[in-house]
Amino acid sequence: MAIPDFQSLMLPILQILKDGRVRPSSEIREEMAQSFSLTEEERNELLPSGTVPRFDNNISWALSYLVMALLVSRPSRGHYVITPRGKEVLATSPERIDMRYLTRFPEYVEKRGQVRRGGTVHEISQAASTGTPEELIEAGYQILRDKMTKEILSLVHACSPRFFERLVIQLLLRMGYGGSLQDAGQVIGKSGDGGIDGVIKEDKLGLDVVYVQAKRWNGNVPASAVRDFSGSLDSHGAKKGVFITTSDFSKEARIYVSEIKGKKIVLIDGDELARLMIDHDVGVSTVNTYTIKKIDSDYFEEE
């Protein structure tokens, strides 16, 4: 039989998990392959890129969307279990669970609903039948970026504070700031640093410096923490600072930096941090590159 697409896998996956047992993704893939009676050849069929089995890729995407809708949770990396909401959904005996079905859950819409042009998940799913090839590529690209953003933040939360501080400095260097990792490392993690986790040259000549605070927070960073960082800049005679967090900043914190006088503090939340890491190839690598070409009409004009 044909390999089921990821949307066709959502309901069967939820049904497999209905017993409430935590399962590794490998076990889910095996049970789903048996459920759909896939042959070994179908199991091994690769995507056009030639790097990932198509069936495994579809399972991964189906699980990702179910997690975003809070029908399934991931208690540990690579392990999944049904949630109370997932059990409630199964109790209604749905005929199918797909992207359109999942839009009834606000958490799913919030996490997966925004693309660069402000489109929604529903609009992306509609593009599969109405969009141009260019629109499909753009929508797919945005979904991939969003998925990678969430995965990056999950990994960053699991790393040590020391590793996170060095990651931040490496990112700033990749963004074109001067100096070197060794320069910044002179102050990273020093005791009594007054709330400063790193310092980096603003340009390659070192005409000015930018002080950095990098903190892994679970909740929103309050204005008081940003004020403390601002005070640390004063104690160092600094005028420029970057406060980076894995979570977000409170409304009051953002208002504070917009009204501060005499210095400039930039706030970078978790989502922006992950996007910058993707854009500047920190912690990520290129797997495939697709070049979109168009007809050169001038070439076919005869004199």
C-alpha atoms as a PDB file:
ATOM      1  CA  MET A   1       0.000   0.000   0.000  1.00  0.00           C
ATOM      2  CA  ALA A   2       1.025   3.644  -0.355  1.00  0.00           C
ATOM      3  CA  ILE A   3       2.972   5.153   2.519  1.00  0.00           C
ATOM      4  CA  PRO A   4       0.486   7.179   4.617  1.00  0.00           C
ATOM      5  CA  ASP A   5       1.052  10.921   4.799  1.00  0.00           C
ATOM      6  CA  PHE A   6       1.713  12.514   8.194  1.00  0.00           C
ATOM      7  CA  GLN A   7      -1.860  13.749   8.647  1.00  0.00           C
ATOM      8  CA  SER A   8      -3.258  10.264   8.063  1.00  0.00           C
ATOM      9  CA  LEU A   9      -0.960   9.008  10.825  1.00  0.00           C
ATOM     10  CA  MET A  10      -2.193  11.355  13.562  1.00  0.00           C
ATOM     11  CA  LEU A  11      -5.307   9.439  14.626  1.00  0.00           C
ATOM     12  CA  PRO A  12      -3.683   5.970  14.431  1.00  0.00           C
ATOM     13  CA  ILE A  13      -0.769   7.191  16.545  1.00  0.00           C
ATOM     14  CA  LEU A  14      -3.154   8.573  19.166  1.00  0.00           C
ATOM     15  CA  GLN A  15      -5.032   5.261  19.193  1.00  0.00           C
ATOM     16  CA  ILE A  16      -1.802   3.336  19.747  1.00  0.00           C
ATOM     17  CA  LEU A  17      -0.978   5.583  22.716  1.00  0.00           C
ATOM     18  CA  LYS A  18      -4.439   5.314  24.290  1.00  0.00           C
ATOM     19  CA  ASP A  19      -3.264   2.831  26.933  1.00  0.00           C
ATOM     20  CA  GLY A  20      -1.290   5.633  28.585  1.00  0.00           C
ATOM     21  CA  ARG A  21       2.081   3.925  28.375  1.00  0.00           C
ATOM     22  CA  VAL A  22       5.164   5.989  27.540  1.00  0.00           C
ATOM     23  CA  ARG A  23       6.624   4.768  24.275  1.00  0.00           C
ATOM     24  CA  PRO A  24       9.888   5.575  22.490  1.00  0.00           C
ATOM     25  CA  SER A  25       9.493   6.879  18.960  1.00  0.00           C
ATOM     26  CA  SER A  26      11.136   3.717  17.585  1.00  0.00           C
ATOM     27  CA  GLU A  27       8.374   1.566  19.100  1.00  0.00           C
ATOM     28  CA  ILE A  28       5.700   3.890  17.700  1.00  0.00           C
ATOM     29  CA  ARG A  29       7.224   3.638  14.236  1.00  0.00           C
ATOM     30  CA  GLU A  30       7.317  -0.150  14.439  1.00  0.00           C
ATOM     31  CA  GLU A  31       3.701  -0.455  15.612  1.00  0.00           C
ATOM     32  CA  MET A  32       2.510   1.965  12.946  1.00  0.00           C
ATOM     33  CA  ALA A  33       4.384   0.111  10.220  1.00  0.00           C
ATOM     34  CA  GLN A  34       2.716  -3.127  11.277  1.00  0.00           C
ATOM     35  CA  SER A  35      -0.671  -1.417  11.510  1.00  0.00           C
ATOM     36  CA  PHE A  36      -0.404  -0.205   7.902  1.00  0.00           C
ATOM     37  CA  SER A  37       1.169  -3.491   6.749  1.00  0.00           C
ATOM     38  CA  LEU A  38       4.123  -1.708   5.187  1.00  0.00           C
ATOM     39  CA  THR A  39       6.687  -3.791   3.369  1.00  0.00           C
ATOM     40  CA  GLU A  40      10.403  -3.541   4.083  1.00  0.00           C
ATOM     41  CA  GLU A  41      10.810  -1.707   0.789  1.00  0.00           C
ATOM     42  CA  GLU A  42       8.175   0.853   1.785  1.00  0.00           C
ATOM     43  CA  ARG A  43       9.779   1.256   5.207  1.00  0.00           C
ATOM     44  CA  ASN A  44      13.107   2.058   3.549  1.00  0.00           C
ATOM     45  CA  GLU A  45      11.816   4.406   0.863  1.00  0.00           C
ATOM     46  CA  LEU A  46      13.736   7.680   1.164  1.00  0.00           C
ATOM     47  CA  LEU A  47      12.685  11.265   0.647  1.00  0.00           C
ATOM     48  CA  PRO A  48      13.938  12.897  -2.577  1.00  0.00           C
ATOM     49  CA  SER A  49      16.863  14.264  -0.559  1.00  0.00           C
ATOM     50  CA  GLY A  50      17.976  10.671  -0.027  1.00  0.00           C
ATOM     51  CA  THR A  51      18.738  11.222   3.661  1.00  0.00           C
ATOM     52  CA  VAL A  52      15.635  10.188   5.654  1.00  0.00           C
ATOM     53  CA  PRO A  53      13.082   7.374   5.214  1.00  0.00           C
ATOM     54  CA  ARG A  54       9.772   8.897   4.116  1.00  0.00           C
ATOM     55  CA  PHE A  55       7.724   6.888   6.633  1.00  0.00           C
ATOM     56  CA  ASP A  56       9.964   7.840   9.577  1.00  0.00           C
ATOM     57  CA  ASN A  57       9.768  11.489   8.537  1.00  0.00           C
ATOM     58  CA  ASN A  58       5.967  11.356   8.403  1.00  0.00           C
ATOM     59  CA  ILE A  59       5.803   9.777  11.868  1.00  0.00           C
ATOM     60  CA  SER A  60       8.043  12.528  13.251  1.00  0.00           C
ATOM     61  CA  TRP A  61       5.862  15.278  11.810  1.00  0.00           C
ATOM     62  CA  ALA A  62       2.643  13.680  13.029  1.00  0.00           C
ATOM     63  CA  LEU A  63       4.035  13.430  16.560  1.00  0.00           C
ATOM     64  CA  SER A  64       5.252  17.029  16.447  1.00  0.00           C
ATOM     65  CA  TYR A  65       1.799  18.345  15.579  1.00  0.00           C
ATOM     66  CA  LEU A  66       0.083  16.178  18.197  1.00  0.00           C
ATOM     67  CA  VAL A  67       2.499  17.534  20.825  1.00  0.00           C
ATOM     68  CA  MET A  68       1.801  21.121  19.740  1.00  0.00           C
ATOM     69  CA  ALA A  69      -1.940  20.506  20.183  1.00  0.00           C
ATOM     70  CA  LEU A  70      -1.297  18.982  23.640  1.00  0.00           C
ATOM     71  CA  LEU A  71      -2.881  15.682  22.613  1.00  0.00           C
ATOM     72  CA  VAL A  72       0.466  13.994  23.236  1.00  0.00           C
ATOM     73  CA  SER A  73       3.294  14.990  25.550  1.00  0.00           C
ATOM     74  CA  ARG A  74       7.009  14.255  25.422  1.00  0.00           C
ATOM     75  CA  PRO A  75       8.144  13.399  28.975  1.00  0.00           C
ATOM     76  CA  SER A  76      11.709  12.839  27.762  1.00  0.00           C
ATOM     77  CA  ARG A  77      13.595  13.137  24.514  1.00  0.00           C
ATOM     78  CA  GLY A  78      12.245  10.689  21.936  1.00  0.00           C
ATOM     79  CA  HIS A  79       9.471   9.357  24.220  1.00  0.00           C
ATOM     80  CA  TYR A  80       5.743  10.072  23.933  1.00  0.00           C
ATOM     81  CA  VAL A  81       2.577   9.529  25.938  1.00  0.00           C
ATOM     82  CA  ILE A  82      -1.073  10.471  25.449  1.00  0.00           C
ATOM     83  CA  THR A  83      -2.439  13.400  27.502  1.00  0.00           C
ATOM     84  CA  PRO A  84      -5.849  13.769  29.176  1.00  0.00           C
ATOM     85  CA  ARG A  85      -6.858  15.983  26.250  1.00  0.00           C
ATOM     86  CA  GLY A  86      -5.797  13.252  23.850  1.00  0.00           C
ATOM     87  CA  LYS A  87      -7.989  10.740  25.685  1.00  0.00           C
ATOM     88  CA  GLU A  88     -10.915  13.171  25.551  1.00  0.00           C
ATOM     89  CA  VAL A  89     -10.463  13.502  21.800  1.00  0.00           C
ATOM     90  CA  LEU A  90     -10.446   9.716  21.322  1.00  0.00           C
ATOM     91  CA  ALA A  91     -13.617   9.449  23.412  1.00  0.00           C
ATOM     92  CA  THR A  92     -15.439  11.474  20.725  1.00  0.00           C
ATOM     93  CA  SER A  93     -14.490   8.845  18.096  1.00  0.00           C
ATOM     94  CA  PRO A  94     -13.203  11.293  15.466  1.00  0.00           C
ATOM     95  CA  GLU A  95     -13.106   9.995  11.889  1.00  0.00           C
ATOM     96  CA  ARG A  96      -9.834  11.793  11.215  1.00  0.00           C
ATOM     97  CA  ILE A  97      -7.334  14.052  12.967  1.00  0.00           C
ATOM     98  CA  ASP A  98      -5.420  16.413  10.711  1.00  0.00           C
ATOM     99  CA  MET A  99      -4.060  19.956  10.692  1.00  0.00           C
ATOM    100  CA  ARG A 100      -7.507  21.449  10.206  1.00  0.00           C
ATOM    101  CA  TYR A 101      -8.867  19.425  13.127  1.00  0.00           C
ATOM    102  CA  LEU A 102      -6.033  20.605  15.379  1.00  0.00           C
ATOM    103  CA  THR A 103      -6.845  24.284  14.807  1.00  0.00           C
ATOM    104  CA  ARG A 104      -9.664  23.934  17.366  1.00  0.00           C
ATOM    105  CA  PHE A 105      -6.973  23.909  20.070  1.00  0.00           C
ATOM    106  CA  PRO A 106      -5.677  27.433  20.868  1.00  0.00           C
ATOM    107  CA  GLU A 107      -2.259  26.187  21.954  1.00  0.00           C
ATOM    108  CA  TYR A 108      -1.725  24.637  18.538  1.00  0.00           C
ATOM    109  CA  VAL A 109      -2.800  27.778  16.722  1.00  0.00           C
ATOM    110  CA  GLU A 110      -0.535  29.896  18.930  1.00  0.00           C
ATOM    111  CA  LYS A 111       2.532  27.705  18.512  1.00  0.00           C
ATOM    112  CA  ARG A 112       2.181  26.699  14.878  1.00  0.00           C
ATOM    113  CA  GLY A 113      -0.143  29.263  13.415  1.00  0.00           C
ATOM    114  CA  GLN A 114       2.192  32.125  12.551  1.00  0.00           C
ATOM    115  CA  VAL A 115       4.337  32.315   9.444  1.00  0.00           C
ATOM    116  CA  ARG A 116       6.285  35.281   8.136  1.00  0.00           C
ATOM    117  CA  ARG A 117       3.297  36.841   6.423  1.00  0.00           C
ATOM    118  CA  GLY A 118       0.968  36.244   9.351  1.00  0.00           C
ATOM    119  CA  GLY A 119      -0.731  33.162   7.867  1.00  0.00           C
ATOM    120  CA  THR A 120      -2.436  30.531  10.022  1.00  0.00           C
ATOM    121  CA  VAL A 121      -2.099  26.773  10.129  1.00  0.00           C
ATOM    122  CA  HIS A 122      -5.459  26.560   8.351  1.00  0.00           C
ATOM    123  CA  GLU A 123      -4.129  28.782   5.562  1.00  0.00           C
ATOM    124  CA  ILE A 124      -0.992  26.659   5.250  1.00  0.00           C
ATOM    125  CA  SER A 125      -3.038  23.480   4.945  1.00  0.00           C
ATOM    126  CA  GLN A 126      -5.209  25.142   2.324  1.00  0.00           C
ATOM    127  CA  ALA A 127      -2.078  26.019   0.345  1.00  0.00           C
ATOM    128  CA  ALA A 128      -1.567  22.317  -0.321  1.00  0.00           C
ATOM    129  CA  SER A 129      -4.459  22.457  -2.778  1.00  0.00           C
ATOM    130  CA  THR A 130      -4.590  26.118  -3.822  1.00  0.00           C
ATOM    131  CA  GLY A 131      -1.078  27.561  -3.488  1.00  0.00           C
ATOM    132  CA  THR A 132       1.534  28.017  -6.175  1.00  0.00           C
ATOM    133  CA  PRO A 133       4.707  25.901  -5.957  1.00  0.00           C
ATOM    134  CA  GLU A 134       6.564  28.959  -4.643  1.00  0.00           C
ATOM    135  CA  GLU A 135       3.938  29.487  -1.929  1.00  0.00           C
ATOM    136  CA  LEU A 136       4.135  25.835  -0.914  1.00  0.00           C
ATOM    137  CA  ILE A 137       7.910  26.039  -0.597  1.00  0.00           C
ATOM    138  CA  GLU A 138       7.658  29.238   1.445  1.00  0.00           C
ATOM    139  CA  ALA A 139       4.999  27.783   3.760  1.00  0.00           C
ATOM    140  CA  GLY A 140       6.966  24.580   4.206  1.00  0.00           C
ATOM    141  CA  TYR A 141      10.140  26.517   4.922  1.00  0.00           C
ATOM    142  CA  GLN A 142       8.424  28.519   7.641  1.00  0.00           C
ATOM    143  CA  ILE A 143       7.056  25.356   9.264  1.00  0.00           C
ATOM    144  CA  LEU A 144      10.533  23.805   9.240  1.00  0.00           C
ATOM    145  CA  ARG A 145      12.025  26.931  10.836  1.00  0.00           C
ATOM    146  CA  ASP A 146       9.350  26.970  13.516  1.00  0.00           C
ATOM    147  CA  LYS A 147       9.904  23.306  14.325  1.00  0.00           C
ATOM    148  CA  MET A 148      13.664  23.834  14.491  1.00  0.00           C
ATOM    149  CA  THR A 149      13.201  26.897  16.716  1.00  0.00           C
ATOM    150  CA  LYS A 150      11.321  24.810  19.278  1.00  0.00           C
ATOM    151  CA  GLU A 151      13.896  22.020  19.117  1.00  0.00           C
ATOM    152  CA  ILE A 152      16.801  24.447  19.557  1.00  0.00           C
ATOM    153  CA  LEU A 153      15.199  26.011  22.635  1.00  0.00           C
ATOM    154  CA  SER A 154      14.608  22.564  24.119  1.00  0.00           C
ATOM    155  CA  LEU A 155      18.283  21.700  23.688  1.00  0.00           C
ATOM    156  CA  VAL A 156      19.473  25.058  25.028  1.00  0.00           C
ATOM    157  CA  HIS A 157      17.357  24.597  28.161  1.00  0.00           C
ATOM    158  CA  ALA A 158      19.086  21.262  28.747  1.00  0.00           C
ATOM    159  CA  CYS A 159      22.632  22.597  28.437  1.00  0.00           C
ATOM    160  CA  SER A 160      24.740  23.929  31.304  1.00  0.00           C
ATOM    161  CA  PRO A 161      24.826  27.664  32.167  1.00  0.00           C
ATOM    162  CA  ARG A 162      28.502  27.767  31.161  1.00  0.00           C
ATOM    163  CA  PHE A 163      27.751  26.247  27.750  1.00  0.00           C
ATOM    164  CA  PHE A 164      24.869  28.672  27.221  1.00  0.00           C
ATOM    165  CA  GLU A 165      27.057  31.687  27.991  1.00  0.00           C
ATOM    166  CA  ARG A 166      29.674  30.559  25.482  1.00  0.00           C
ATOM    167  CA  LEU A 167      26.952  29.834  22.909  1.00  0.00           C
ATOM    168  CA  VAL A 168      25.725  33.406  23.202  1.00  0.00           C
ATOM    169  CA  ILE A 169      29.208  34.842  22.658  1.00  0.00           C
ATOM    170  CA  GLN A 170      29.750  32.551  19.665  1.00  0.00           C
ATOM    171  CA  LEU A 171      26.476  33.782  18.191  1.00  0.00           C
ATOM    172  CA  LEU A 172      27.448  37.425  18.599  1.00  0.00           C
ATOM    173  CA  LEU A 173      30.783  36.714  16.922  1.00  0.00           C
ATOM    174  CA  ARG A 174      28.983  35.049  14.008  1.00  0.00           C
ATOM    175  CA  MET A 175      26.768  38.127  13.761  1.00  0.00           C
ATOM    176  CA  GLY A 176      29.829  40.220  12.973  1.00  0.00           C
ATOM    177  CA  TYR A 177      30.928  41.601  16.304  1.00  0.00           C
ATOM    178  CA  GLY A 178      34.674  41.898  16.760  1.00  0.00           C
ATOM    179  CA  GLY A 179      37.097  40.272  19.111  1.00  0.00           C
ATOM    180  CA  SER A 180      37.286  36.552  19.702  1.00  0.00           C
ATOM    181  CA  LEU A 181      35.871  33.841  21.907  1.00  0.00           C
ATOM    182  CA  GLN A 182      39.092  33.990  23.928  1.00  0.00           C
ATOM    183  CA  ASP A 183      38.585  37.719  24.540  1.00  0.00           C
ATOM    184  CA  ALA A 184      35.039  37.144  25.762  1.00  0.00           C
ATOM    185  CA  GLY A 185      36.076  34.121  27.809  1.00  0.00           C
ATOM    186  CA  GLN A 186      38.128  36.324  30.099  1.00  0.00           C
ATOM    187  CA  VAL A 187      34.976  37.404  31.911  1.00  0.00           C
ATOM    188  CA  ILE A 188      32.509  34.579  31.282  1.00  0.00           C
ATOM    189  CA  GLY A 189      31.563  32.852  34.518  1.00  0.00           C
ATOM    190  CA  LYS A 190      33.815  34.941  36.756  1.00  0.00           C
ATOM    191  CA  SER A 191      32.640  35.272  40.321  1.00  0.00           C
ATOM    192  CA  GLY A 192      31.759  38.771  41.401  1.00  0.00           C
ATOM    193  CA  ASP A 193      31.217  39.906  37.828  1.00  0.00           C
ATOM    194  CA  GLY A 194      28.342  42.165  38.871  1.00  0.00           C
ATOM    195  CA  GLY A 195      25.759  40.445  36.682  1.00  0.00           C
ATOM    196  CA  ILE A 196      27.919  40.442  33.532  1.00  0.00           C
ATOM    197  CA  ASP A 197      28.288  37.075  31.796  1.00  0.00           C
ATOM    198  CA  GLY A 198      30.442  38.201  28.886  1.00  0.00           C
ATOM    199  CA  VAL A 199      31.914  41.149  27.062  1.00  0.00           C
ATOM    200  CA  ILE A 200      32.493  41.416  23.355  1.00  0.00           C
ATOM    201  CA  LYS A 201      34.045  44.064  21.123  1.00  0.00           C
ATOM    202  CA  GLU A 202      31.492  45.960  19.070  1.00  0.00           C
ATOM    203  CA  ASP A 203      33.887  46.040  16.104  1.00  0.00           C
ATOM    204  CA  LYS A 204      37.101  44.328  15.107  1.00  0.00           C
ATOM    205  CA  LEU A 205      39.187  47.289  16.265  1.00  0.00           C
ATOM    206  CA  GLY A 206      37.651  47.227  19.717  1.00  0.00           C
ATOM    207  CA  LEU A 207      36.625  50.886  19.654  1.00  0.00           C
ATOM    208  CA  ASP A 208      33.716  50.038  21.952  1.00  0.00           C
ATOM    209  CA  VAL A 209      32.477  47.024  23.870  1.00  0.00           C
ATOM    210  CA  VAL A 210      29.105  45.405  24.480  1.00  0.00           C
ATOM    211  CA  TYR A 211      28.372  43.721  27.796  1.00  0.00           C
ATOM    212  CA  VAL A 212      26.268  40.572  27.768  1.00  0.00           C
ATOM    213  CA  GLN A 213      24.010  38.810  30.224  1.00  0.00           C
ATOM    214  CA  ALA A 214      22.798  35.335  29.230  1.00  0.00           C
ATOM    215  CA  LYS A 215      20.267  33.639  31.482  1.00  0.00           C
ATOM    216  CA  ARG A 216      18.184  30.497  31.067  1.00  0.00           C
ATOM    217  CA  TRP A 217      14.803  31.416  32.552  1.00  0.00           C
ATOM    218  CA  ASN A 218      11.583  29.404  32.658  1.00  0.00           C
ATOM    219  CA  GLY A 219       9.218  32.322  33.243  1.00  0.00           C
ATOM    220  CA  ASN A 220       9.270  35.838  31.858  1.00  0.00           C
ATOM    221  CA  VAL A 221      12.274  37.918  32.893  1.00  0.00           C
ATOM    222  CA  PRO A 222      10.990  40.698  35.182  1.00  0.00           C
ATOM    223  CA  ALA A 223      11.878  44.369  34.873  1.00  0.00           C
ATOM    224  CA  SER A 224      13.865  44.131  38.117  1.00  0.00           C
ATOM    225  CA  ALA A 225      16.366  41.743  36.503  1.00  0.00           C
ATOM    226  CA  VAL A 226      16.846  44.109  33.575  1.00  0.00           C
ATOM    227  CA  ARG A 227      17.284  47.050  35.957  1.00  0.00           C
ATOM    228  CA  ASP A 228      19.960  45.074  37.823  1.00  0.00           C
ATOM    229  CA  PHE A 229      21.757  44.467  34.524  1.00  0.00           C
ATOM    230  CA  SER A 230      21.516  48.159  33.733  1.00  0.00           C
ATOM    231  CA  GLY A 231      23.082  48.926  37.103  1.00  0.00           C
ATOM    232  CA  SER A 232      25.904  46.491  36.317  1.00  0.00           C
ATOM    233  CA  LEU A 233      26.611  48.429  33.125  1.00  0.00           C
ATOM    234  CA  ASP A 234      26.902  51.607  35.182  1.00  0.00           C
ATOM    235  CA  SER A 235      29.412  49.976  37.528  1.00  0.00           C
ATOM    236  CA  HIS A 236      31.557  49.053  34.499  1.00  0.00           C
ATOM    237  CA  GLY A 237      31.155  52.441  32.879  1.00  0.00           C
ATOM    238  CA  ALA A 238      29.450  50.738  29.931  1.00  0.00           C
ATOM    239  CA  LYS A 239      26.790  52.199  27.654  1.00  0.00           C
ATOM    240  CA  LYS A 240      25.755  49.153  25.637  1.00  0.00           C
ATOM    241  CA  GLY A 241      24.391  45.809  26.733  1.00  0.00           C
ATOM    242  CA  VAL A 242      22.572  42.731  25.423  1.00  0.00           C
ATOM    243  CA  PHE A 243      20.327  40.682  27.701  1.00  0.00           C
ATOM    244  CA  ILE A 244      19.577  37.252  26.246  1.00  0.00           C
ATOM    245  CA  THR A 245      17.176  34.730  27.720  1.00  0.00           C
ATOM    246  CA  THR A 246      15.696  31.392  26.715  1.00  0.00           C
ATOM    247  CA  SER A 247      12.202  32.515  27.735  1.00  0.00           C
ATOM    248  CA  ASP A 248      10.656  35.984  27.275  1.00  0.00           C
ATOM    249  CA  PHE A 249      10.638  39.398  28.909  1.00  0.00           C
ATOM    250  CA  SER A 250       7.775  40.931  30.817  1.00  0.00           C
ATOM    251  CA  LYS A 251       5.947  43.903  29.344  1.00  0.00           C
ATOM    252  CA  GLU A 252       7.411  46.093  32.089  1.00  0.00           C
ATOM    253  CA  ALA A 253      10.955  44.989  31.188  1.00  0.00           C
ATOM    254  CA  ARG A 254      10.451  45.960  27.554  1.00  0.00           C
ATOM    255  CA  ILE A 255       8.979  49.319  28.547  1.00  0.00           C
ATOM    256  CA  TYR A 256      11.962  49.940  30.822  1.00  0.00           C
ATOM    257  CA  VAL A 257      14.568  49.465  28.076  1.00  0.00           C
ATOM    258  CA  SER A 258      12.551  51.617  25.669  1.00  0.00           C
ATOM    259  CA  GLU A 259      12.595  54.523  28.116  1.00  0.00           C
ATOM    260  CA  ILE A 260      16.103  54.163  29.544  1.00  0.00           C
ATOM    261  CA  LYS A 261      18.422  57.130  29.075  1.00  0.00           C
ATOM    262  CA  GLY A 262      22.170  57.286  28.605  1.00  0.00           C
ATOM    263  CA  LYS A 263      22.670  53.688  27.504  1.00  0.00           C
ATOM    264  CA  LYS A 264      21.305  51.125  25.067  1.00  0.00           C
ATOM    265  CA  ILE A 265      20.112  47.687  26.168  1.00  0.00           C
ATOM    266  CA  VAL A 266      18.852  45.152  23.628  1.00  0.00           C
ATOM    267  CA  LEU A 267      16.575  42.321  24.785  1.00  0.00           C
ATOM    268  CA  ILE A 268      16.649  39.003  22.929  1.00  0.00           C
ATOM    269  CA  ASP A 269      14.040  36.407  23.923  1.00  0.00           C
ATOM    270  CA  GLY A 270      14.172  32.666  23.329  1.00  0.00           C
ATOM    271  CA  ASP A 271      12.399  32.651  19.968  1.00  0.00           C
ATOM    272  CA  GLU A 272      14.626  35.381  18.575  1.00  0.00           C
ATOM    273  CA  LEU A 273      17.709  33.643  19.965  1.00  0.00           C
ATOM    274  CA  ALA A 274      16.798  30.434  18.158  1.00  0.00           C
ATOM    275  CA  ARG A 275      16.055  32.293  14.913  1.00  0.00           C
ATOM    276  CA  LEU A 276      19.409  34.069  15.092  1.00  0.00           C
ATOM    277  CA  MET A 277      21.160  30.751  15.677  1.00  0.00           C
ATOM    278  CA  ILE A 278      19.499  29.353  12.562  1.00  0.00           C
ATOM    279  CA  ASP A 279      20.304  32.427  10.461  1.00  0.00           C
ATOM    280  CA  HIS A 280      23.956  32.476  11.533  1.00  0.00           C
ATOM    281  CA  ASP A 281      24.601  28.703  11.550  1.00  0.00           C
ATOM    282  CA  VAL A 282      25.211  28.293  15.275  1.00  0.00           C
ATOM    283  CA  GLY A 283      24.310  24.780  16.402  1.00  0.00           C
ATOM    284  CA  VAL A 284      22.759  23.949  13.022  1.00  0.00           C
ATOM    285  CA  SER A 285      24.073  22.730   9.684  1.00  0.00           C
ATOM    286  CA  THR A 286      22.768  22.759   6.144  1.00  0.00           C
ATOM    287  CA  VAL A 287      21.328  19.418   5.011  1.00  0.00           C
ATOM    288  CA  ASN A 288      19.863  20.332   1.642  1.00  0.00           C
ATOM    289  CA  THR A 289      19.799  23.381  -0.596  1.00  0.00           C
ATOM    290  CA  TYR A 290      17.069  23.957  -3.156  1.00  0.00           C
ATOM    291  CA  THR A 291      17.621  26.483  -5.938  1.00  0.00           C
ATOM    292  CA  ILE A 292      14.497  28.001  -7.495  1.00  0.00           C
ATOM    293  CA  LYS A 293      15.018  29.002 -11.094  1.00  0.00           C
ATOM    294  CA  LYS A 294      12.933  30.842 -13.669  1.00  0.00           C
ATOM    295  CA  ILE A 295      12.976  30.985 -17.437  1.00  0.00           C
ATOM    296  CA  ASP A 296      15.322  33.552 -18.943  1.00  0.00           C
ATOM    297  CA  SER A 297      12.976  34.917 -21.620  1.00  0.00           C
ATOM    298  CA  ASP A 298      15.734  37.057 -23.149  1.00  0.00           C
ATOM    299  CA  TYR A 299      17.659  33.906 -24.018  1.00  0.00           C
ATOM    300  CA  PHE A 300      14.896  32.695 -26.328  1.00  0.00           C
ATOM    301  CA  GLU A 301      14.494  35.968 -28.234  1.00  0.00           C
ATOM    302  CA  GLU A 302      15.826  35.652 -31.757  1.00  0.00           C
ATOM    303  CA  GLU A 303      17.399  38.668 -33.402  1.00  0.00           C
END
